[in-house]
Amino acid sequence: MTALDIAAQHFSTIAIIGPTNAGKSTLLNRILRQKVAIVTPKVQTTRSRITGILTEAPHQLVFIDTPGLFAPKKLLDRAMLKAAWDSLEMADIALFTVDASKDISLLEGFIRQLNQAKEHGLVPPVWLVLNQVDKVKQKEKLLLLAQSLSQQVQADQVFMISSTKQNGGVENLVQSLKKASKPHPWAHDEEEITTLPNKLFAAEITREALMFAMQNELPYVLSVETEQWEERTTPSLSIHISQVILVKTEGQKAIIVGKGGQSIKAIGQRSREQLSKLYEMPVHLKLFVKLAPKWDERSENLAEIGLH
C-alpha cells in the first residue's frame, strides 16, 4: 500500500457481547456476508472469541463474536465467560446484543457487572442492539424495552435489527460503525475474513453438524479437535482433514456413532459438504470418537478450542 492509502484508512475493533442465543453469531455472519461463526438453536454454541473482518475501503472493522453471558459452573464455563469479558478490553465499541423477543430479566446481574467495569474504564462505549425485533408484535413494548435497556447499560446508541432478515437493519448498523471508526492503519490484509485458524474453523463446522444431528440427545459439552489438516495439489487441489470428537460418556459415544455407524457418517457428510462449500474445493474428512470424561476440565483441551 502507498503512504496515501495508509493515511486514508480507518480502523475499529467491535466486541459483540450479550446473553446466550441472542443471535450474535448470526449477526456477525450477516455483517460479513459469509459464514465464520457456527449457529445452532442450542445455548452456548459459541465458545471462544471468533474474529470476523470487514474491509470496505477506506474502512476496516474487526468484529469479535464472544461466548454468551451466563452463570458459570465449571472450568469450561468460566473460560468462556472470561473470553467474553476480555474482549471488551481490546474493543473500541461494544455491541450489547439482546433478543428483543425473549425475557431479559436474567440480564440484571450482567448489566450491573458491565456498568461496574465501565466505571473502572474497562469497557468501551456501549451500543445497544435489539435483535429479532420482527418477532415483537407490540411496537409500544419494543420502544419501552429499548428505553429501559438503553438507560440501564448507558448506551451511546440504540439499533433495532433482525439479523436473520436480508434487509433487517444490519447495514444501517454497519454504516454507523464505519462513521465511528477512527483514522488508523488497517491491522489485516484486505482479503482476510477471519483470524480463526483453519484447524479450529474446521472443528467448529463439525461441532455444528454434531449439534444439529443430535438435537436434544446430546448435551453441548462435547468437543471436536482437528488432528490433521493437509492441502494437497495432486492429483487435484483438495483438503484432507482428520478430526476426533471428544465425549464424556460411553452413551454419548454410542449415540454419535449410531447403529452401523450411520450417525457419524451423516455428521461427516454434513460437515464435509459445508467445508467444501466454504473452501471452494473438495474436502476429505475422517471422524473418530474418543471417550474423554474430563476433557472440559483440562486447560490444554480448552487451549485447543481457543480458550484459556
Protein backbone atom coordinates (compact mmCIF):
# COMPACT_ATOMS: atom_id res chain seq x y z
CA MET A 1 0.00 0.00 0.00
CA THR A 2 1.14 3.56 -0.66
CA ALA A 3 1.58 6.15 2.09
CA LEU A 4 -1.51 7.91 0.77
CA ASP A 5 -3.55 4.71 1.09
CA ILE A 6 -2.48 4.22 4.71
CA ALA A 7 -3.22 7.83 5.58
CA ALA A 8 -6.79 7.44 4.33
CA GLN A 9 -7.50 4.23 6.25
CA HIS A 10 -9.97 3.99 9.14
CA PHE A 11 -9.98 1.13 11.64
CA SER A 12 -12.09 -0.05 14.58
CA THR A 13 -12.50 -3.13 16.78
CA ILE A 14 -16.03 -4.08 17.86
CA ALA A 15 -16.94 -6.66 20.52
CA ILE A 16 -20.32 -8.35 20.15
CA ILE A 17 -21.47 -9.31 23.65
CA GLY A 18 -24.74 -10.34 25.22
CA PRO A 19 -26.70 -13.29 26.61
CA THR A 20 -26.72 -16.73 25.04
CA ASN A 21 -28.91 -17.24 21.95
CA ALA A 22 -29.19 -13.50 21.26
CA GLY A 23 -28.17 -14.01 17.62
CA LYS A 24 -24.63 -12.66 17.96
CA SER A 25 -23.08 -15.22 15.60
CA THR A 26 -25.88 -14.78 13.08
CA LEU A 27 -25.28 -11.03 13.24
CA LEU A 28 -21.56 -11.49 12.57
CA ASN A 29 -22.20 -13.75 9.58
CA ARG A 30 -24.75 -11.27 8.20
CA ILE A 31 -22.29 -8.38 8.54
CA LEU A 32 -19.53 -10.29 6.74
CA ARG A 33 -21.93 -11.83 4.19
CA GLN A 34 -20.01 -15.03 4.83
CA LYS A 35 -20.04 -17.75 7.46
CA VAL A 36 -17.26 -17.54 10.03
CA ALA A 37 -19.22 -18.46 13.18
CA ILE A 38 -21.37 -21.55 13.65
CA VAL A 39 -25.03 -21.09 14.51
CA THR A 40 -27.32 -23.62 16.21
CA PRO A 41 -30.54 -23.41 18.28
CA LYS A 42 -28.61 -24.64 21.34
CA VAL A 43 -27.43 -22.24 24.02
CA GLN A 44 -23.72 -21.51 24.45
CA THR A 45 -22.87 -22.58 20.90
CA THR A 46 -20.05 -20.05 20.63
CA ARG A 47 -17.22 -20.98 22.97
CA SER A 48 -14.23 -18.88 22.03
CA ARG A 49 -13.67 -15.46 20.55
CA ILE A 50 -14.40 -15.60 16.83
CA THR A 51 -12.89 -12.71 14.88
CA GLY A 52 -14.50 -11.52 11.67
CA ILE A 53 -13.01 -8.80 9.47
CA LEU A 54 -14.99 -6.47 7.21
CA THR A 55 -12.85 -4.40 4.87
CA GLU A 56 -14.61 -1.90 2.65
CA ALA A 57 -12.14 0.86 1.80
CA PRO A 58 -11.34 3.08 3.46
CA HIS A 59 -12.78 1.27 6.49
CA GLN A 60 -11.70 -1.93 8.20
CA LEU A 61 -13.93 -3.20 11.03
CA VAL A 62 -12.78 -6.10 13.17
CA PHE A 63 -15.64 -7.87 14.97
CA ILE A 64 -15.15 -10.16 17.98
CA ASP A 65 -18.01 -12.62 18.43
CA THR A 66 -17.95 -13.72 22.06
CA PRO A 67 -19.49 -16.57 24.09
CA GLY A 68 -22.87 -15.67 25.54
CA LEU A 69 -23.11 -14.30 29.07
CA PHE A 70 -24.39 -16.89 31.55
CA ALA A 71 -23.76 -18.09 35.12
CA PRO A 72 -20.54 -20.19 35.05
CA LYS A 73 -20.35 -23.50 36.89
CA LYS A 74 -17.30 -25.34 35.57
CA LEU A 75 -13.84 -24.56 34.20
CA LEU A 76 -15.16 -24.50 30.62
CA ASP A 77 -17.92 -22.09 31.64
CA ARG A 78 -15.50 -19.77 33.42
CA ALA A 79 -13.11 -19.79 30.47
CA MET A 80 -15.95 -18.94 28.07
CA LEU A 81 -17.15 -16.10 30.27
CA LYS A 82 -13.60 -14.76 30.65
CA ALA A 83 -13.21 -14.72 26.86
CA ALA A 84 -16.35 -12.60 26.60
CA TRP A 85 -15.28 -10.03 29.20
CA ASP A 86 -11.67 -9.91 28.00
CA SER A 87 -12.83 -8.96 24.51
CA LEU A 88 -14.14 -5.65 25.87
CA GLU A 89 -10.65 -4.52 26.84
CA MET A 90 -9.46 -4.68 23.23
CA ALA A 91 -12.56 -3.12 21.67
CA ASP A 92 -13.39 0.43 20.61
CA ILE A 93 -17.14 -0.24 20.74
CA ALA A 94 -19.21 -2.93 22.47
CA LEU A 95 -22.41 -4.07 20.78
CA PHE A 96 -24.61 -5.27 23.66
CA THR A 97 -26.88 -7.58 21.68
CA VAL A 98 -30.20 -8.78 23.10
CA ASP A 99 -33.04 -10.83 21.62
CA ALA A 100 -35.94 -8.43 21.97
CA SER A 101 -38.49 -11.26 21.84
CA LYS A 102 -37.15 -13.02 24.96
CA ASP A 103 -37.31 -12.43 28.70
CA ILE A 104 -34.49 -10.08 29.69
CA SER A 105 -34.98 -10.23 33.47
CA LEU A 106 -31.95 -12.52 33.83
CA LEU A 107 -29.68 -9.79 32.47
CA GLU A 108 -29.72 -7.66 35.61
CA GLY A 109 -26.59 -9.19 37.11
CA PHE A 110 -24.58 -8.88 33.89
CA ILE A 111 -25.73 -5.30 33.31
CA ARG A 112 -24.57 -4.47 36.83
CA GLN A 113 -21.15 -6.05 36.08
CA LEU A 114 -20.99 -4.18 32.79
CA ASN A 115 -21.61 -0.84 34.44
CA GLN A 116 -19.12 -1.55 37.21
CA ALA A 117 -16.47 -2.39 34.63
CA LYS A 118 -17.39 0.76 32.72
CA GLU A 119 -16.81 2.87 35.84
CA HIS A 120 -13.28 1.48 36.03
CA GLY A 121 -12.59 2.29 32.39
CA LEU A 122 -12.60 -1.37 31.31
CA VAL A 123 -15.49 -1.10 28.86
CA PRO A 124 -15.64 0.96 25.64
CA PRO A 125 -18.76 2.90 24.59
CA VAL A 126 -21.77 0.56 24.56
CA TRP A 127 -24.23 0.43 21.68
CA LEU A 128 -27.46 -1.41 22.41
CA VAL A 129 -28.57 -3.76 19.63
CA LEU A 130 -32.09 -5.13 19.94
CA ASN A 131 -32.21 -8.19 17.70
CA GLN A 132 -35.17 -10.16 16.31
CA VAL A 133 -37.43 -7.10 16.54
CA ASP A 134 -39.60 -8.57 13.79
CA LYS A 135 -40.84 -11.10 16.36
CA VAL A 136 -42.18 -8.39 18.68
CA LYS A 137 -45.70 -7.58 17.51
CA GLN A 138 -46.39 -4.79 20.02
CA LYS A 139 -44.25 -1.84 18.94
CA GLU A 140 -45.05 0.07 22.15
CA LYS A 141 -43.49 -2.80 24.11
CA LEU A 142 -40.41 -2.67 21.88
CA LEU A 143 -39.96 1.07 22.42
CA LEU A 144 -40.31 0.68 26.19
CA LEU A 145 -37.75 -2.14 26.15
CA ALA A 146 -35.33 -0.02 24.13
CA GLN A 147 -35.73 2.91 26.50
CA SER A 148 -35.32 0.78 29.63
CA LEU A 149 -32.28 -1.19 28.46
CA SER A 150 -30.66 1.90 26.96
CA GLN A 151 -30.79 3.60 30.34
CA GLN A 152 -29.57 0.51 32.20
CA VAL A 153 -26.47 -0.06 30.03
CA GLN A 154 -25.92 3.69 29.48
CA ALA A 155 -25.99 3.09 25.73
CA ASP A 156 -24.48 5.68 23.41
CA GLN A 157 -26.67 4.49 20.53
CA VAL A 158 -29.60 2.11 20.05
CA PHE A 159 -30.28 -0.09 16.99
CA MET A 160 -33.23 -2.32 16.19
CA ILE A 161 -32.41 -5.14 13.79
CA SER A 162 -33.37 -8.61 12.61
CA SER A 163 -30.12 -10.40 11.83
CA THR A 164 -31.93 -13.29 10.11
CA LYS A 165 -33.51 -10.95 7.54
CA GLN A 166 -31.83 -9.74 4.35
CA ASN A 167 -32.96 -6.15 4.94
CA GLY A 168 -33.19 -6.28 8.70
CA GLY A 169 -31.37 -3.06 9.55
CA VAL A 170 -27.88 -4.58 9.83
CA GLU A 171 -26.50 -2.40 7.04
CA ASN A 172 -27.55 0.72 8.95
CA LEU A 173 -25.61 -0.58 11.96
CA VAL A 174 -22.53 -1.22 9.82
CA GLN A 175 -22.65 2.25 8.27
CA SER A 176 -22.82 3.80 11.75
CA LEU A 177 -19.83 1.74 12.85
CA LYS A 178 -17.88 2.95 9.82
CA LYS A 179 -18.66 6.56 10.70
CA ALA A 180 -17.47 5.96 14.26
CA SER A 181 -14.15 4.40 13.18
CA LYS A 182 -11.02 6.49 13.63
CA PRO A 183 -8.17 7.23 11.19
CA HIS A 184 -5.76 4.35 11.76
CA PRO A 185 -3.84 1.87 9.57
CA TRP A 186 -5.59 -1.41 8.95
CA ALA A 187 -4.44 -4.34 11.07
CA HIS A 188 -5.18 -7.05 8.48
CA ASP A 189 -4.82 -7.73 4.78
CA GLU A 190 -7.74 -6.63 2.65
CA GLU A 191 -8.61 -10.22 1.67
CA GLU A 192 -8.59 -11.59 5.23
CA ILE A 193 -12.04 -12.52 6.60
CA THR A 194 -11.18 -14.13 9.95
CA THR A 195 -8.20 -14.81 12.19
CA LEU A 196 -9.61 -18.20 13.15
CA PRO A 197 -7.05 -20.90 12.27
CA ASN A 198 -8.17 -23.44 9.65
CA LYS A 199 -7.92 -26.31 12.15
CA LEU A 200 -10.20 -24.60 14.65
CA PHE A 201 -12.63 -23.39 11.98
CA ALA A 202 -12.97 -26.92 10.57
CA ALA A 203 -13.54 -28.27 14.09
CA GLU A 204 -16.30 -25.71 14.64
CA ILE A 205 -18.07 -26.71 11.42
CA THR A 206 -18.08 -30.36 12.53
CA ARG A 207 -19.31 -29.38 16.00
CA GLU A 208 -22.18 -27.51 14.35
CA ALA A 209 -23.03 -30.63 12.33
CA LEU A 210 -22.97 -32.68 15.54
CA MET A 211 -25.30 -30.34 17.39
CA PHE A 212 -27.81 -30.30 14.54
CA ALA A 213 -27.69 -34.08 14.06
CA MET A 214 -28.06 -34.97 17.73
CA GLN A 215 -30.69 -32.35 18.57
CA ASN A 216 -31.73 -32.96 22.21
CA GLU A 217 -29.97 -36.31 22.56
CA LEU A 218 -26.56 -34.81 23.17
CA PRO A 219 -25.52 -32.05 25.60
CA TYR A 220 -23.45 -29.15 24.34
CA VAL A 221 -20.47 -30.38 26.38
CA LEU A 222 -18.60 -32.14 23.61
CA SER A 223 -15.57 -31.05 21.68
CA VAL A 224 -14.03 -31.54 18.26
CA GLU A 225 -10.29 -31.34 17.66
CA THR A 226 -8.65 -31.26 14.24
CA GLU A 227 -5.63 -33.53 14.42
CA GLN A 228 -4.64 -33.23 10.77
CA TRP A 229 -5.14 -30.57 8.12
CA GLU A 230 -3.39 -31.01 4.81
CA GLU A 231 -3.82 -29.25 1.48
CA ARG A 232 -2.87 -31.45 -1.47
CA THR A 233 -2.27 -30.41 -5.05
CA THR A 234 -2.18 -33.88 -6.64
CA PRO A 235 -3.99 -35.37 -8.41
CA SER A 236 -6.06 -32.16 -7.91
CA LEU A 237 -6.43 -29.43 -5.32
CA SER A 238 -8.11 -30.77 -2.16
CA ILE A 239 -8.06 -30.65 1.64
CA HIS A 240 -7.63 -33.74 3.82
CA ILE A 241 -8.82 -33.44 7.42
CA SER A 242 -8.76 -35.86 10.36
CA GLN A 243 -10.76 -34.97 13.49
CA VAL A 244 -11.51 -36.53 16.86
CA ILE A 245 -14.80 -35.98 18.69
CA LEU A 246 -14.37 -35.91 22.47
CA VAL A 247 -17.32 -37.14 24.53
CA LYS A 248 -17.80 -37.66 28.26
CA THR A 249 -19.70 -40.97 28.40
CA GLU A 250 -19.94 -44.27 26.54
CA GLY A 251 -23.61 -43.49 25.96
CA GLN A 252 -22.76 -40.29 24.11
CA LYS A 253 -20.21 -42.15 22.04
CA ALA A 254 -22.79 -44.76 21.06
CA ILE A 255 -25.30 -42.07 20.04
CA ILE A 256 -22.78 -40.26 17.84
CA VAL A 257 -21.58 -43.43 16.13
CA GLY A 258 -25.13 -44.73 15.68
CA LYS A 259 -26.28 -48.13 14.52
CA GLY A 260 -23.81 -49.47 12.00
CA GLY A 261 -22.00 -46.13 12.03
CA GLN A 262 -24.87 -44.36 10.27
CA SER A 263 -24.99 -41.32 12.57
CA ILE A 264 -21.32 -40.44 12.36
CA LYS A 265 -21.45 -40.99 8.61
CA ALA A 266 -24.27 -38.46 8.28
CA ILE A 267 -22.45 -36.00 10.54
CA GLY A 268 -19.31 -36.35 8.47
CA GLN A 269 -21.23 -35.81 5.25
CA ARG A 270 -22.88 -32.62 6.52
CA SER A 271 -19.58 -31.23 7.76
CA ARG A 272 -17.73 -32.20 4.59
CA GLU A 273 -20.34 -30.53 2.37
CA GLN A 274 -20.15 -27.33 4.43
CA LEU A 275 -16.36 -27.25 4.38
CA SER A 276 -16.20 -27.97 0.65
CA LYS A 277 -18.58 -25.08 0.00
CA LEU A 278 -16.70 -22.68 2.29
CA TYR A 279 -13.24 -23.55 0.96
CA GLU A 280 -14.46 -23.98 -2.62
CA MET A 281 -12.62 -27.26 -3.13
CA PRO A 282 -13.11 -30.98 -2.37
CA VAL A 283 -12.68 -31.89 1.31
CA HIS A 284 -11.88 -35.39 2.53
CA LEU A 285 -12.89 -35.80 6.18
CA LYS A 286 -12.23 -38.62 8.65
CA LEU A 287 -14.02 -38.61 12.02
CA PHE A 288 -13.17 -40.59 15.15
CA VAL A 289 -14.91 -40.63 18.54
CA LYS A 290 -12.87 -40.71 21.73
CA LEU A 291 -14.03 -41.11 25.33
CA ALA A 292 -12.63 -38.25 27.46
CA PRO A 293 -14.75 -37.91 30.64
CA LYS A 294 -12.96 -34.79 31.90
CA TRP A 295 -11.93 -33.10 28.66
CA ASP A 296 -13.57 -29.81 29.74
CA GLU A 297 -11.58 -29.73 32.99
CA ARG A 298 -8.17 -29.83 31.33
CA SER A 299 -6.59 -26.49 30.41
CA GLU A 300 -4.73 -27.96 27.42
CA ASN A 301 -8.03 -29.10 25.89
CA LEU A 302 -9.54 -25.64 26.38
CA ALA A 303 -6.48 -24.13 24.69
CA GLU A 304 -7.22 -26.33 21.65
CA ILE A 305 -10.56 -24.58 21.19
CA GLY A 306 -9.13 -21.11 21.75
CA LEU A 307 -9.90 -20.71 25.47
CA HIS A 308 -7.55 -20.05 28.35
